């Protein structure tokens, strides 16, 4: 098919937060569509009225926005298409590919109990499969698919390879409930067809569903999509990712402070590879991504690798973009918004902190010298470094800062001369200077801080401890 005709979709259920595994599924669909110049669509599968909530729907939108997974067009509500789903079910009845089943729940339960006792298949075979319309009673019914009884169905999967299912293992699944509402299995197929979806990229927990859903495509004479069922994400212990492994929802990862670009990079690499490349940009990922190099085995989530990739992306991100993401992080953890002055200072000084931060939390902490108001609240160790001798030396340095050229080399030369005059190493002045300028013992280079803070603020902070 022409590359421009590629259409993928992400179809989450709004019954909770956006799970990290679902986010990777969305990412793979997004990358594949963007690589081929196609469309990436969003469908909210909200047919479960009891569990679907608006808050969960909004959480999906927020999670995708943070991850930068922009979708084309407006989101589709599956529940809003119920009439169309029912229309297809009745068209299948007319074509002889579905039928009305009047078996009650008690009758089905009795059949299965007997089959279990006799150690035969409990797959329900409805006695109404071939009953003509004229012999139908006037009572509630469900609509069932008339599944093939012999032969086999082959799922041509781009990840799993050809998967063969014997048709005698397929049941006549329900398409419409007795109240006329469509079931998920029907709704998915109808929506995918109507949305023009060409590639169904989803978790391999849906692999068995594909064999049953294919029957609807065949019954309606619709083109089959290309299937790609990707393995699930496991925790470090090899078991399915869950709360016991730590964060599972996308917004939890944002609140921890991982870089969105780093998360995209890490999730892309989690189950897919491009040679030995570990760190790459969105542009590279979109130009490289294919289905061929998705692995068949589950991937293990590694928080240490995620942190390292996150740190690399923070270091390579432009300052303005980094500031925007930092502001989003502060909002989600409930920190006050940055002032215009603080933002301007960060844009100037990000260079000296972003190369050492793996998360937004670390970036914020290392940038604290730019954000804190005077007088600084000094940490205990910082206070201890400011003895009478060191304060005296800083008092001698302060007036000389009034006229020095405010450049790194000139500042280093001045501090070096002061240290030499007191027969000490320049490194011995670093601790007291760091304490005076940042209030803590762990901070960027004192000369970086002086350049970022500027002459007036630097002198003011030194005067505060005199």
Protein backbone atom coordinates (compact mmCIF):
# COMPACT_ATOMS: atom_id res chain seq x y z
CA UNK A 1 0.00 0.00 0.00
CA UNK A 2 1.17 3.60 -0.52
CA UNK A 3 2.99 4.82 2.57
CA UNK A 4 0.63 7.80 2.86
CA UNK A 5 -2.34 5.46 3.41
CA UNK A 6 -1.08 4.15 6.74
CA UNK A 7 -3.55 4.70 9.58
CA UNK A 8 -2.89 3.52 13.14
CA UNK A 9 -4.92 4.00 16.27
CA UNK A 10 -4.60 3.96 20.03
CA UNK A 11 -7.74 2.72 21.75
CA UNK A 12 -7.52 2.91 25.57
CA UNK A 13 -10.37 2.20 27.97
CA UNK A 14 -11.06 5.11 30.35
CA UNK A 15 -11.23 2.98 33.47
CA UNK A 16 -8.15 4.28 35.27
CA UNK A 17 -4.87 6.07 34.66
CA UNK A 18 -2.91 5.71 31.43
CA UNK A 19 -0.78 2.62 32.14
CA UNK A 20 2.88 2.73 31.09
CA UNK A 21 2.34 -0.36 28.92
CA UNK A 22 -0.56 1.32 27.14
CA UNK A 23 1.59 4.41 26.67
CA UNK A 24 4.22 2.32 24.88
CA UNK A 25 1.50 0.89 22.62
CA UNK A 26 0.41 4.43 21.79
CA UNK A 27 4.04 5.39 21.17
CA UNK A 28 4.61 2.51 18.73
CA UNK A 29 1.45 3.44 16.81
CA UNK A 30 2.52 7.10 16.76
CA UNK A 31 6.02 6.32 15.54
CA UNK A 32 4.82 3.98 12.80
CA UNK A 33 2.26 6.48 11.51
CA UNK A 34 4.70 9.38 11.62
CA UNK A 35 7.41 7.41 9.83
CA UNK A 36 5.05 6.62 6.95
CA UNK A 37 3.46 10.04 6.76
CA UNK A 38 0.14 8.52 7.79
CA UNK A 39 -2.44 9.21 10.48
CA UNK A 40 -2.41 8.38 14.17
CA UNK A 41 -5.93 8.33 15.62
CA UNK A 42 -7.29 8.17 19.16
CA UNK A 43 -10.41 6.20 20.08
CA UNK A 44 -11.67 6.10 23.66
CA UNK A 45 -13.26 2.70 24.21
CA UNK A 46 -15.87 3.81 26.71
CA UNK A 47 -18.49 1.09 26.19
CA UNK A 48 -18.11 -0.16 29.78
CA UNK A 49 -20.53 2.33 31.29
CA UNK A 50 -20.00 1.16 34.85
CA UNK A 51 -16.22 1.57 34.86
CA UNK A 52 -15.61 4.34 32.31
CA UNK A 53 -15.19 7.79 33.84
CA UNK A 54 -14.58 11.29 32.52
CA UNK A 55 -11.68 11.71 34.94
CA UNK A 56 -9.96 8.68 33.42
CA UNK A 57 -10.57 10.06 29.92
CA UNK A 58 -8.91 13.32 30.93
CA UNK A 59 -6.00 11.40 32.46
CA UNK A 60 -5.47 9.71 29.08
CA UNK A 61 -5.42 13.10 27.34
CA UNK A 62 -2.98 14.53 29.90
CA UNK A 63 -0.68 11.53 29.68
CA UNK A 64 -0.53 11.67 25.90
CA UNK A 65 0.03 15.41 25.96
CA UNK A 66 2.95 15.05 28.37
CA UNK A 67 4.48 12.30 26.25
CA UNK A 68 4.11 14.49 23.17
CA UNK A 69 1.98 11.94 21.30
CA UNK A 70 -0.15 14.22 19.14
CA UNK A 71 -3.03 12.50 17.38
CA UNK A 72 -4.80 13.47 14.18
CA UNK A 73 -8.37 14.75 14.20
CA UNK A 74 -10.76 14.60 17.14
CA UNK A 75 -10.91 11.67 19.58
CA UNK A 76 -13.58 9.09 18.77
CA UNK A 77 -15.97 7.83 21.45
CA UNK A 78 -16.75 4.17 20.90
CA UNK A 79 -19.97 4.41 22.92
CA UNK A 80 -21.25 7.11 20.56
CA UNK A 81 -21.10 4.61 17.68
CA UNK A 82 -23.43 2.03 19.26
CA UNK A 83 -26.11 2.39 16.58
CA UNK A 84 -23.55 1.78 13.84
CA UNK A 85 -22.30 -1.35 15.64
CA UNK A 86 -25.85 -2.71 15.89
CA UNK A 87 -26.43 -1.92 12.21
CA UNK A 88 -23.50 -4.12 11.24
CA UNK A 89 -24.72 -6.98 13.46
CA UNK A 90 -28.14 -6.99 11.77
CA UNK A 91 -26.49 -6.78 8.34
CA UNK A 92 -24.60 -9.95 9.26
CA UNK A 93 -27.89 -11.65 10.15
CA UNK A 94 -29.31 -10.77 6.74
CA UNK A 95 -26.17 -12.09 5.05
CA UNK A 96 -26.34 -15.36 7.03
CA UNK A 97 -23.21 -14.70 9.09
CA UNK A 98 -25.00 -14.09 12.42
CA UNK A 99 -28.19 -15.23 14.08
CA UNK A 100 -30.58 -14.53 16.91
CA UNK A 101 -30.04 -16.75 19.93
CA UNK A 102 -32.84 -17.15 22.49
CA UNK A 103 -30.95 -19.40 24.90
CA UNK A 104 -31.25 -18.17 28.50
CA UNK A 105 -28.36 -17.81 30.92
CA UNK A 106 -29.72 -20.77 32.90
CA UNK A 107 -29.76 -22.95 29.78
CA UNK A 108 -26.21 -21.99 28.93
CA UNK A 109 -25.06 -22.69 32.49
CA UNK A 110 -26.80 -26.11 32.45
CA UNK A 111 -25.12 -26.97 29.15
CA UNK A 112 -21.68 -26.05 30.47
CA UNK A 113 -22.15 -27.91 33.75
CA UNK A 114 -23.09 -31.07 31.85
CA UNK A 115 -20.19 -30.67 29.43
CA UNK A 116 -17.78 -30.20 32.31
CA UNK A 117 -19.13 -33.31 34.09
CA UNK A 118 -18.80 -35.35 30.91
CA UNK A 119 -15.30 -33.96 30.29
CA UNK A 120 -16.12 -32.56 26.89
CA UNK A 121 -15.73 -29.06 25.47
CA UNK A 122 -17.69 -26.40 27.32
CA UNK A 123 -17.74 -24.24 24.18
CA UNK A 124 -21.41 -23.34 23.88
CA UNK A 125 -23.13 -24.51 20.71
CA UNK A 126 -26.42 -22.68 20.41
CA UNK A 127 -29.45 -24.70 19.26
CA UNK A 128 -30.71 -21.53 17.52
CA UNK A 129 -27.86 -21.29 15.00
CA UNK A 130 -29.86 -22.63 12.06
CA UNK A 131 -33.43 -21.95 13.17
CA UNK A 132 -35.41 -19.90 10.64
CA UNK A 133 -36.97 -16.54 11.48
CA UNK A 134 -40.50 -17.92 11.27
CA UNK A 135 -39.75 -20.28 14.15
CA UNK A 136 -38.37 -17.61 16.47
CA UNK A 137 -40.24 -16.93 19.73
CA UNK A 138 -41.23 -13.41 20.77
CA UNK A 139 -38.77 -13.16 23.67
CA UNK A 140 -35.47 -11.33 24.26
CA UNK A 141 -32.44 -12.58 22.33
CA UNK A 142 -28.77 -11.93 21.73
CA UNK A 143 -27.15 -11.76 18.32
CA UNK A 144 -24.34 -14.27 17.83
CA UNK A 145 -21.68 -14.59 15.16
CA UNK A 146 -22.04 -17.73 13.05
CA UNK A 147 -18.40 -18.76 13.35
CA UNK A 148 -16.92 -21.36 10.98
CA UNK A 149 -16.92 -24.89 12.41
CA UNK A 150 -14.12 -26.38 10.32
CA UNK A 151 -10.83 -25.28 8.80
CA UNK A 152 -8.50 -22.82 10.45
CA UNK A 153 -7.89 -19.10 10.83
CA UNK A 154 -4.38 -17.76 10.29
CA UNK A 155 -3.38 -14.48 11.92
CA UNK A 156 -0.56 -13.05 9.82
CA UNK A 157 1.17 -11.11 12.54
CA UNK A 158 4.13 -8.79 11.90
CA UNK A 159 5.64 -9.54 15.31
CA UNK A 160 4.48 -13.04 16.26
CA UNK A 161 4.61 -14.52 12.78
CA UNK A 162 1.76 -16.66 11.44
CA UNK A 163 -0.49 -17.82 14.26
CA UNK A 164 -2.95 -20.59 13.39
CA UNK A 165 -6.21 -21.15 15.28
CA UNK A 166 -8.46 -24.13 14.61
CA UNK A 167 -11.95 -22.89 13.82
CA UNK A 168 -13.56 -25.60 15.92
CA UNK A 169 -12.02 -23.80 18.89
CA UNK A 170 -13.97 -20.62 18.11
CA UNK A 171 -17.34 -19.97 19.72
CA UNK A 172 -20.34 -18.21 18.26
CA UNK A 173 -19.51 -15.08 20.20
CA UNK A 174 -22.19 -12.62 21.19
CA UNK A 175 -22.28 -9.47 19.03
CA UNK A 176 -25.31 -7.73 20.57
CA UNK A 177 -26.58 -8.24 24.10
CA UNK A 178 -30.23 -8.82 24.85
CA UNK A 179 -30.69 -5.09 25.50
CA UNK A 180 -29.40 -4.36 21.99
CA UNK A 181 -26.03 -2.97 23.12
CA UNK A 182 -22.93 -4.04 21.18
CA UNK A 183 -20.09 -5.99 22.78
CA UNK A 184 -16.49 -4.82 22.69
CA UNK A 185 -15.39 -7.43 20.12
CA UNK A 186 -17.87 -6.15 17.54
CA UNK A 187 -17.34 -2.47 18.32
CA UNK A 188 -13.55 -2.70 17.86
CA UNK A 189 -13.82 -4.19 14.39
CA UNK A 190 -16.53 -1.81 13.16
CA UNK A 191 -14.70 1.24 14.48
CA UNK A 192 -11.34 0.14 13.04
CA UNK A 193 -12.98 -0.38 9.63
CA UNK A 194 -14.92 2.88 9.69
CA UNK A 195 -11.83 4.83 10.82
CA UNK A 196 -9.79 3.35 7.99
CA UNK A 197 -7.27 1.70 10.31
CA UNK A 198 -4.68 -0.16 8.24
CA UNK A 199 -2.38 -1.40 11.03
CA UNK A 200 -3.56 -2.71 14.41
CA UNK A 201 -0.56 -2.47 16.75
CA UNK A 202 -1.52 -3.60 20.25
CA UNK A 203 -0.51 -5.79 23.18
CA UNK A 204 -0.19 -9.54 22.62
CA UNK A 205 -2.89 -10.10 25.24
CA UNK A 206 -5.25 -9.32 22.34
CA UNK A 207 -3.77 -11.98 20.05
CA UNK A 208 -6.54 -14.53 20.68
CA UNK A 209 -9.14 -11.83 20.06
CA UNK A 210 -7.76 -11.35 16.55
CA UNK A 211 -8.90 -14.80 15.39
CA UNK A 212 -12.48 -14.03 16.44
CA UNK A 213 -12.44 -10.47 15.13
CA UNK A 214 -11.16 -11.63 11.75
CA UNK A 215 -14.46 -13.53 11.32
CA UNK A 216 -16.36 -10.23 11.38
CA UNK A 217 -14.07 -8.73 8.73
CA UNK A 218 -14.58 -11.78 6.53
CA UNK A 219 -18.34 -11.82 7.07
CA UNK A 220 -18.61 -8.17 6.04
CA UNK A 221 -16.21 -8.50 3.13
CA UNK A 222 -13.87 -5.89 4.61
CA UNK A 223 -10.11 -5.75 4.10
CA UNK A 224 -8.14 -7.12 7.03
CA UNK A 225 -5.75 -4.75 8.78
CA UNK A 226 -2.10 -5.62 9.29
CA UNK A 227 -1.72 -7.05 12.79
CA UNK A 228 1.26 -6.52 15.08
CA UNK A 229 0.84 -7.88 18.60
CA UNK A 230 3.62 -6.62 20.87
CA UNK A 231 4.76 -8.37 24.08
CA UNK A 232 3.77 -6.85 27.39
CA UNK A 233 6.15 -5.01 29.71
CA UNK A 234 7.38 -6.93 32.73
CA UNK A 235 8.92 -5.64 35.92
CA UNK A 236 12.57 -6.26 36.90
CA UNK A 237 11.51 -9.62 38.39
CA UNK A 238 10.10 -10.86 35.07
CA UNK A 239 6.48 -10.63 36.17
CA UNK A 240 3.80 -8.47 34.56
CA UNK A 241 4.33 -4.79 35.41
CA UNK A 242 2.23 -3.82 38.43
CA UNK A 243 2.15 -1.52 41.45
CA UNK A 244 4.58 -3.75 43.32
CA UNK A 245 7.28 -2.66 40.86
CA UNK A 246 6.66 1.03 41.50
CA UNK A 247 4.92 3.57 39.28
CA UNK A 248 2.62 2.19 36.58
CA UNK A 249 0.65 5.27 35.47
CA UNK A 250 2.15 7.78 33.06
CA UNK A 251 1.37 10.75 35.32
CA UNK A 252 3.29 9.05 38.12
CA UNK A 253 6.39 9.07 35.94
CA UNK A 254 5.86 12.74 35.19
CA UNK A 255 5.56 13.42 38.92
CA UNK A 256 8.78 11.48 39.57
CA UNK A 257 10.37 13.92 37.17
CA UNK A 258 11.53 11.89 34.19
CA UNK A 259 12.04 13.81 30.97
CA UNK A 260 9.23 13.28 28.46
CA UNK A 261 11.78 12.92 25.66
CA UNK A 262 13.70 10.46 27.80
CA UNK A 263 10.53 8.48 28.47
CA UNK A 264 9.77 8.32 24.73
CA UNK A 265 13.32 7.19 24.01
CA UNK A 266 13.30 4.56 26.76
CA UNK A 267 9.86 3.15 25.91
CA UNK A 268 10.75 2.97 22.22
CA UNK A 269 13.87 0.98 23.05
CA UNK A 270 11.87 -1.23 25.42
CA UNK A 271 10.96 -4.03 23.05
CA UNK A 272 12.32 -2.52 19.81
CA UNK A 273 15.88 -2.00 18.65
CA UNK A 274 17.91 -0.21 16.03
CA UNK A 275 21.29 -1.84 16.17
CA UNK A 276 23.09 -0.86 19.34
CA UNK A 277 21.56 2.61 19.54
CA UNK A 278 20.33 3.43 23.05
CA UNK A 279 20.07 7.22 22.97
CA UNK A 280 18.25 8.83 20.05
CA UNK A 281 16.02 11.77 19.18
CA UNK A 282 12.39 11.78 18.09
CA UNK A 283 13.46 12.55 14.54
CA UNK A 284 15.73 9.52 14.51
CA UNK A 285 13.09 7.27 16.09
CA UNK A 286 10.49 8.31 13.54
CA UNK A 287 12.86 7.69 10.65
CA UNK A 288 14.01 4.29 11.96
CA UNK A 289 10.90 2.72 13.52
CA UNK A 290 9.52 -0.42 11.92
CA UNK A 291 7.62 -3.51 12.98
CA UNK A 292 10.35 -5.90 11.92
CA UNK A 293 12.60 -5.18 14.89
CA UNK A 294 10.00 -5.48 17.64
CA UNK A 295 11.03 -8.41 19.82
CA UNK A 296 8.76 -11.37 20.56
CA UNK A 297 9.71 -11.66 24.23
CA UNK A 298 8.48 -9.42 27.06
CA UNK A 299 10.83 -6.58 28.02
CA UNK A 300 11.89 -5.90 31.58
CA UNK A 301 11.48 -2.39 32.89
CA UNK A 302 14.74 -0.98 34.24
CA UNK A 303 14.38 2.21 36.29
CA UNK A 304 18.14 2.81 36.32
CA UNK A 305 18.30 2.78 32.50
CA UNK A 306 15.27 5.06 32.33
CA UNK A 307 16.98 7.55 34.67
CA UNK A 308 20.16 7.50 32.60
CA UNK A 309 18.29 8.08 29.33
CA UNK A 310 16.22 10.80 31.00
CA UNK A 311 19.41 12.52 32.14
CA UNK A 312 20.92 12.42 28.67
CA UNK A 313 17.83 14.04 27.20
CA UNK A 314 17.76 16.74 29.88
CA UNK A 315 21.38 17.54 29.05
CA UNK A 316 20.62 17.81 25.32
CA UNK A 317 17.33 19.71 25.57
CA UNK A 318 17.23 23.40 24.61
CA UNK A 319 16.84 25.66 27.63
CA UNK A 320 13.47 27.11 26.65
CA UNK A 321 12.00 23.63 26.12
CA UNK A 322 13.53 22.48 29.39
CA UNK A 323 12.00 25.41 31.25
CA UNK A 324 8.56 24.56 29.85
CA UNK A 325 8.85 20.96 31.03
CA UNK A 326 10.20 22.05 34.42
CA UNK A 327 7.17 24.30 34.85
CA UNK A 328 4.87 21.36 34.08
CA UNK A 329 6.70 19.23 36.62
CA UNK A 330 6.41 21.89 39.34
CA UNK A 331 2.69 22.23 38.64
CA UNK A 332 2.02 18.50 38.92
CA UNK A 333 3.88 18.21 42.26
CA UNK A 334 2.18 21.32 43.66
CA UNK A 335 5.17 23.68 43.77
CA UNK A 336 4.60 27.45 43.25
CA UNK A 337 5.01 28.71 39.69
CA UNK A 338 8.28 30.40 38.80
CA UNK A 339 8.36 34.19 38.53
CA UNK A 340 9.44 35.95 35.36
CA UNK A 341 12.77 36.80 36.99
CA UNK A 342 13.31 33.17 38.00
CA UNK A 343 12.50 31.99 34.49
CA UNK A 344 14.93 34.45 32.95
CA UNK A 345 17.66 33.38 35.38
CA UNK A 346 17.07 29.72 34.58
CA UNK A 347 17.33 30.35 30.84
CA UNK A 348 20.71 31.95 31.49
CA UNK A 349 21.99 29.37 33.94
CA UNK A 350 20.51 26.06 32.78
CA UNK A 351 23.78 25.19 31.06
CA UNK A 352 25.54 24.59 34.37
CA UNK A 353 22.89 22.35 35.96
CA UNK A 354 21.22 20.33 33.22
CA UNK A 355 24.25 18.17 32.47
CA UNK A 356 24.13 16.72 36.00
CA UNK A 357 20.40 16.08 36.43
CA UNK A 358 18.62 12.82 35.62
CA UNK A 359 15.14 14.03 36.58
CA UNK A 360 13.25 17.29 36.75
CA UNK A 361 13.41 17.01 40.53
CA UNK A 362 17.19 16.91 40.43
CA UNK A 363 17.22 19.76 37.93
CA UNK A 364 15.03 21.86 40.21
CA UNK A 365 17.20 21.09 43.24
CA UNK A 366 20.45 21.89 41.43
CA UNK A 367 18.88 25.11 40.13
CA UNK A 368 17.76 26.22 43.58
CA UNK A 369 20.53 28.83 43.81
CA UNK A 370 18.77 30.66 40.95
CA UNK A 371 15.35 30.53 42.59
CA UNK A 372 15.98 31.10 46.31
CA UNK A 373 15.31 34.52 47.81
CA UNK A 374 17.79 36.33 50.03
CA UNK A 375 18.77 35.82 52.71
CA UNK A 376 19.41 32.18 51.94
CA UNK A 377 18.43 29.48 54.40
CA UNK A 378 21.80 27.78 54.81
CA UNK A 379 22.07 24.03 55.32
CA UNK A 380 23.86 22.84 58.46
CA UNK A 381 27.08 21.83 56.65
CA UNK A 382 27.09 25.10 54.73
CA UNK A 383 26.94 27.04 58.00
CA UNK A 384 29.83 25.01 59.41
CA UNK A 385 32.00 25.88 56.41
CA UNK A 386 31.62 29.58 57.14
CA UNK A 387 34.08 29.99 59.99
CA UNK A 388 35.62 33.31 61.07
CA UNK A 389 38.66 32.80 58.84
CA UNK A 390 36.69 31.97 55.70
CA UNK A 391 34.21 34.80 56.30
CA UNK A 392 37.16 37.18 56.70
CA UNK A 393 38.60 36.07 53.37
CA UNK A 394 35.22 36.46 51.65
CA UNK A 395 34.91 39.95 53.16
CA UNK A 396 38.22 40.80 51.55
CA UNK A 397 37.03 39.38 48.21
CA UNK A 398 33.68 41.17 48.14
CA UNK A 399 34.80 44.78 47.46
CA UNK A 400 37.16 43.59 44.73
CA UNK A 401 34.23 42.04 42.90
CA UNK A 402 32.85 45.53 42.37
CA UNK A 403 35.31 46.36 39.60
CA UNK A 404 36.50 43.04 38.19
CA UNK A 405 35.55 42.15 34.61
CA UNK A 406 32.58 39.80 35.04
CA UNK A 407 34.00 36.93 33.01
CA UNK A 408 35.03 33.49 34.14
CA UNK A 409 38.77 33.88 33.57
CA UNK A 410 38.89 37.21 35.42
CA UNK A 411 36.87 35.83 38.34
CA UNK A 412 39.07 32.74 38.61
CA UNK A 413 42.18 34.94 38.56
CA UNK A 414 40.83 37.21 41.31
CA UNK A 415 39.85 34.35 43.62
CA UNK A 416 43.21 32.70 42.91
CA UNK A 417 45.08 35.84 43.98
CA UNK A 418 43.04 36.08 47.21
CA UNK A 419 43.79 32.43 47.99
CA UNK A 420 47.50 32.93 47.28
CA UNK A 421 47.63 35.98 49.50
CA UNK A 422 46.30 33.86 52.37
CA UNK A 423 48.64 30.97 51.53
CA UNK A 424 45.81 28.58 50.81
CA UNK A 425 44.54 26.70 47.76
CA UNK A 426 41.75 28.14 45.67
CA UNK A 427 39.82 24.92 46.31
CA UNK A 428 39.74 25.78 50.01
CA UNK A 429 37.71 28.88 49.19
CA UNK A 430 35.24 26.94 47.07
CA UNK A 431 33.33 25.56 50.07
CA UNK A 432 32.67 28.89 51.80
CA UNK A 433 31.89 30.54 48.45
CA UNK A 434 29.47 27.74 47.58
CA UNK A 435 27.77 28.07 50.95
CA UNK A 436 27.39 31.84 50.58
CA UNK A 437 26.06 31.70 47.02
CA UNK A 438 23.79 28.64 47.23
CA UNK A 439 23.23 27.88 50.92
CA UNK A 440 24.46 24.32 50.43
CA UNK A 441 27.66 22.35 49.89
CA UNK A 442 26.51 20.55 46.72
CA UNK A 443 26.09 23.01 43.86
CA UNK A 444 27.42 23.91 40.43
CA UNK A 445 30.85 25.54 40.09
CA UNK A 446 31.12 28.74 42.16
CA UNK A 447 32.21 30.59 39.03
CA UNK A 448 29.19 29.36 37.09
CA UNK A 449 26.98 30.54 39.93
CA UNK A 450 28.64 33.95 39.98
CA UNK A 451 28.18 34.35 36.23
CA UNK A 452 24.51 33.28 36.40
CA UNK A 453 23.64 35.39 39.44
CA UNK A 454 25.45 38.45 38.16
CA UNK A 455 27.60 40.95 39.99
CA UNK A 456 24.94 42.61 42.18
CA UNK A 457 23.31 39.41 43.43
CA UNK A 458 26.68 37.73 44.04
CA UNK A 459 27.93 40.64 46.14
CA UNK A 460 24.62 40.85 48.00
CA UNK A 461 24.77 37.18 48.99
CA UNK A 462 28.37 37.54 50.16
CA UNK A 463 27.39 40.55 52.24
CA UNK A 464 24.58 38.52 53.83
CA UNK A 465 27.06 36.17 55.54
CA UNK A 466 29.60 38.79 56.61
